[in-house]
């Protein structure tokens, strides 16, 4: 009886997610302005909040949270598997902290937008790239949270428009509208508290 009460209590507790920016804000060869940095943060937080709409999950910038996603500079050189690109995000087993790798995410964004390489033909304006970067950070953070212990709803699905999709090098990840796969949603309904009535 006590165990059941404890489980019910903890399952109903809101989940607080903290997004921490610990990067140098250099996208390709350009350093983002303070205004652009603020826009990236706002879009990332909004994207992350939208990803968990329908659940009692709050998102804020900072470390005062139950679960963390740290936007760091990039994947540590020398640790990636030989011949493979570095991941844009990572979550270690049994972790409550995930990482989004800024350099790798920027590189993927610029490639998707046609802005990388010697014969680059960029399909997006700088403002659109800033928005896309924010969306990419938020979408990657949502995916990585789904790998954290106790959650495990990021299934690396074969779905370009899914938060739980297996790849980030798609137009949808940066410039489209994403959603969870039905399989991911089924798990989320079991492990996340539902949103209560509006206050």
Protein backbone atom coordinates (compact mmCIF):
# COMPACT_ATOMS: atom_id res chain seq x y z
CA UNK A 1 0.00 0.00 0.00
CA UNK A 2 2.82 2.44 0.92
CA UNK A 3 4.75 1.50 -2.24
CA UNK A 4 1.66 2.12 -4.39
CA UNK A 5 1.09 5.51 -2.76
CA UNK A 6 4.73 6.47 -3.28
CA UNK A 7 4.59 5.44 -6.95
CA UNK A 8 1.40 7.40 -7.53
CA UNK A 9 2.89 10.43 -5.80
CA UNK A 10 6.09 10.42 -7.81
CA UNK A 11 4.38 9.67 -11.13
CA UNK A 12 2.16 12.74 -10.67
CA UNK A 13 5.08 15.07 -9.90
CA UNK A 14 5.85 17.57 -12.69
CA UNK A 15 9.11 17.05 -14.56
CA UNK A 16 11.40 20.09 -14.66
CA UNK A 17 13.83 20.21 -17.57
CA UNK A 18 16.80 22.57 -17.60
CA UNK A 19 18.55 23.63 -20.82
CA UNK A 20 22.10 24.87 -20.23
CA UNK A 21 24.11 26.71 -22.90
CA UNK A 22 27.84 26.12 -22.53
CA UNK A 23 29.14 26.84 -26.04
CA UNK A 24 30.97 29.61 -27.91
CA UNK A 25 28.13 30.52 -30.32
CA UNK A 26 30.22 30.16 -33.46
CA UNK A 27 28.19 28.88 -36.41
CA UNK A 28 30.60 27.96 -39.17
CA UNK A 29 32.98 30.90 -39.49
CA UNK A 30 30.60 33.44 -37.92
CA UNK A 31 30.02 34.22 -34.25
CA UNK A 32 26.35 34.82 -33.51
CA UNK A 33 25.44 38.25 -32.15
CA UNK A 34 23.88 38.61 -28.69
CA UNK A 35 20.51 39.18 -30.32
CA UNK A 36 20.91 36.02 -32.42
CA UNK A 37 22.01 34.03 -29.36
CA UNK A 38 18.89 35.17 -27.50
CA UNK A 39 16.72 34.13 -30.45
CA UNK A 40 18.34 30.69 -30.65
CA UNK A 41 17.71 30.18 -26.92
CA UNK A 42 14.08 31.31 -27.16
CA UNK A 43 13.33 29.05 -30.14
CA UNK A 44 15.12 26.09 -28.54
CA UNK A 45 13.13 26.46 -25.30
CA UNK A 46 9.87 26.89 -27.20
CA UNK A 47 10.58 23.84 -29.37
CA UNK A 48 11.36 21.75 -26.31
CA UNK A 49 8.18 22.90 -24.55
CA UNK A 50 6.06 22.12 -27.63
CA UNK A 51 7.63 18.64 -27.81
CA UNK A 52 6.19 17.86 -24.37
CA UNK A 53 2.81 19.52 -24.82
CA UNK A 54 0.14 17.41 -23.15
CA UNK A 55 2.48 16.37 -20.33
CA UNK A 56 3.25 18.03 -17.00
CA UNK A 57 6.71 19.06 -18.11
CA UNK A 58 8.23 22.51 -17.64
CA UNK A 59 11.25 23.79 -19.53
CA UNK A 60 13.58 26.59 -18.51
CA UNK A 61 17.13 27.74 -19.03
CA UNK A 62 19.51 26.80 -16.22
CA UNK A 63 20.60 23.95 -13.99
CA UNK A 64 17.83 24.14 -11.38
CA UNK A 65 15.88 21.17 -12.74
CA UNK A 66 15.22 17.44 -12.41
CA UNK A 67 16.69 16.63 -15.83
CA UNK A 68 19.36 18.52 -17.77
CA UNK A 69 20.38 18.97 -21.37
CA UNK A 70 23.71 20.77 -21.79
CA UNK A 71 24.48 22.43 -25.11
CA UNK A 72 28.24 22.02 -25.18
CA UNK A 73 30.83 23.02 -27.76
CA UNK A 74 31.15 19.69 -29.50
CA UNK A 75 31.89 16.01 -29.34
CA UNK A 76 35.27 15.26 -27.75
CA UNK A 77 37.82 14.64 -30.49
CA UNK A 78 39.26 11.15 -30.58
CA UNK A 79 36.25 9.48 -28.93
CA UNK A 80 34.08 9.02 -32.00
CA UNK A 81 34.04 5.64 -33.79
CA UNK A 82 36.52 5.52 -36.69
CA UNK A 83 35.05 6.58 -40.01
CA UNK A 84 31.78 7.86 -38.53
CA UNK A 85 30.56 11.42 -38.08
CA UNK A 86 30.30 12.72 -34.54
CA UNK A 87 26.78 12.62 -33.09
CA UNK A 88 24.80 15.84 -32.61
CA UNK A 89 23.69 14.64 -29.19
CA UNK A 90 24.45 11.96 -26.65
CA UNK A 91 23.09 10.47 -23.46
CA UNK A 92 25.13 7.98 -21.48
CA UNK A 93 23.45 4.90 -20.00
CA UNK A 94 21.62 5.51 -16.69
CA UNK A 95 22.06 9.29 -17.06
CA UNK A 96 19.73 12.15 -16.12
CA UNK A 97 21.92 14.55 -18.08
CA UNK A 98 22.21 14.69 -21.87
CA UNK A 99 24.37 16.71 -24.24
CA UNK A 100 23.68 18.50 -27.50
CA UNK A 101 26.89 19.13 -29.46
CA UNK A 102 26.77 22.66 -30.88
CA UNK A 103 29.55 22.31 -33.49
CA UNK A 104 28.13 19.10 -34.95
CA UNK A 105 24.58 20.48 -34.98
CA UNK A 106 25.74 23.67 -36.74
CA UNK A 107 27.62 21.59 -39.32
CA UNK A 108 24.54 19.47 -39.96
CA UNK A 109 22.33 22.56 -40.23
CA UNK A 110 24.66 24.22 -42.76
CA UNK A 111 24.83 21.00 -44.81
CA UNK A 112 21.04 20.58 -44.83
CA UNK A 113 20.62 24.23 -45.91
CA UNK A 114 23.24 23.88 -48.66
CA UNK A 115 25.54 26.38 -46.93
CA UNK A 116 28.54 24.10 -46.37
CA UNK A 117 31.42 23.33 -48.72
CA UNK A 118 33.38 25.19 -51.36
CA UNK A 119 30.49 25.28 -53.84
CA UNK A 120 27.88 26.21 -51.23
CA UNK A 121 24.48 27.35 -52.48
CA UNK A 122 22.77 28.41 -49.27
CA UNK A 123 19.00 28.06 -49.44
CA UNK A 124 18.36 30.04 -46.22
CA UNK A 125 18.94 33.57 -44.98
CA UNK A 126 20.99 34.16 -41.85
CA UNK A 127 17.78 34.83 -39.89
CA UNK A 128 16.34 31.51 -41.11
CA UNK A 129 19.54 29.71 -40.09
CA UNK A 130 19.30 31.22 -36.60
CA UNK A 131 15.67 30.03 -36.29
CA UNK A 132 16.65 26.62 -37.66
CA UNK A 133 19.50 26.32 -35.18
CA UNK A 134 17.13 27.00 -32.29
CA UNK A 135 14.69 24.43 -33.62
CA UNK A 136 17.47 21.92 -34.12
CA UNK A 137 18.76 22.37 -30.57
CA UNK A 138 15.25 22.01 -29.14
CA UNK A 139 14.44 18.96 -31.25
CA UNK A 140 17.76 17.29 -30.44
CA UNK A 141 17.28 18.05 -26.73
CA UNK A 142 13.80 16.46 -26.82
CA UNK A 143 15.26 13.37 -28.52
CA UNK A 144 18.12 13.06 -26.00
CA UNK A 145 15.75 13.42 -23.05
CA UNK A 146 13.95 10.40 -24.46
CA UNK A 147 17.15 8.37 -23.96
CA UNK A 148 17.51 9.28 -20.27
CA UNK A 149 17.04 6.66 -17.60
CA UNK A 150 13.43 6.20 -16.55
CA UNK A 151 12.16 7.61 -19.86
CA UNK A 152 13.51 5.58 -22.79
CA UNK A 153 10.94 6.79 -25.30
CA UNK A 154 13.37 7.93 -28.03
CA UNK A 155 13.26 4.91 -30.31
CA UNK A 156 15.40 6.14 -33.23
CA UNK A 157 12.38 5.61 -35.48
CA UNK A 158 12.57 5.71 -39.28
CA UNK A 159 10.73 9.02 -39.45
CA UNK A 160 12.29 12.26 -40.69
CA UNK A 161 9.67 14.42 -38.96
CA UNK A 162 9.77 12.62 -35.57
CA UNK A 163 11.55 13.88 -32.48
CA UNK A 164 12.47 10.25 -31.89
CA UNK A 165 13.73 9.80 -35.47
CA UNK A 166 17.11 8.18 -36.00
CA UNK A 167 18.75 11.08 -37.84
CA UNK A 168 19.06 14.86 -37.58
CA UNK A 169 20.26 15.57 -41.13
CA UNK A 170 16.79 16.38 -42.46
CA UNK A 171 15.02 19.58 -43.44
CA UNK A 172 12.25 18.73 -40.98
CA UNK A 173 14.65 18.68 -38.02
CA UNK A 174 15.64 22.31 -38.55
CA UNK A 175 12.92 23.93 -40.64
CA UNK A 176 9.82 21.75 -40.35
CA UNK A 177 7.27 20.71 -37.77
CA UNK A 178 8.17 17.63 -35.72
CA UNK A 179 6.08 15.17 -33.73
CA UNK A 180 6.59 11.95 -31.75
CA UNK A 181 5.95 8.56 -33.30
CA UNK A 182 2.93 6.65 -31.98
CA UNK A 183 5.26 4.10 -30.35
CA UNK A 184 7.13 6.89 -28.52
CA UNK A 185 3.87 8.51 -27.39
CA UNK A 186 2.65 5.21 -25.96
CA UNK A 187 5.75 5.02 -23.74
CA UNK A 188 5.57 8.73 -22.84
CA UNK A 189 2.01 8.27 -21.56
CA UNK A 190 3.33 5.64 -19.15
CA UNK A 191 6.44 7.45 -17.89
CA UNK A 192 5.46 11.15 -17.94
CA UNK A 193 2.73 12.82 -15.86
CA UNK A 194 -0.17 14.15 -17.93
CA UNK A 195 -0.78 17.90 -18.06
CA UNK A 196 -3.38 19.06 -15.58
CA UNK A 197 -6.23 21.47 -16.29
CA UNK A 198 -5.20 25.07 -17.15
CA UNK A 199 -4.59 27.19 -14.05
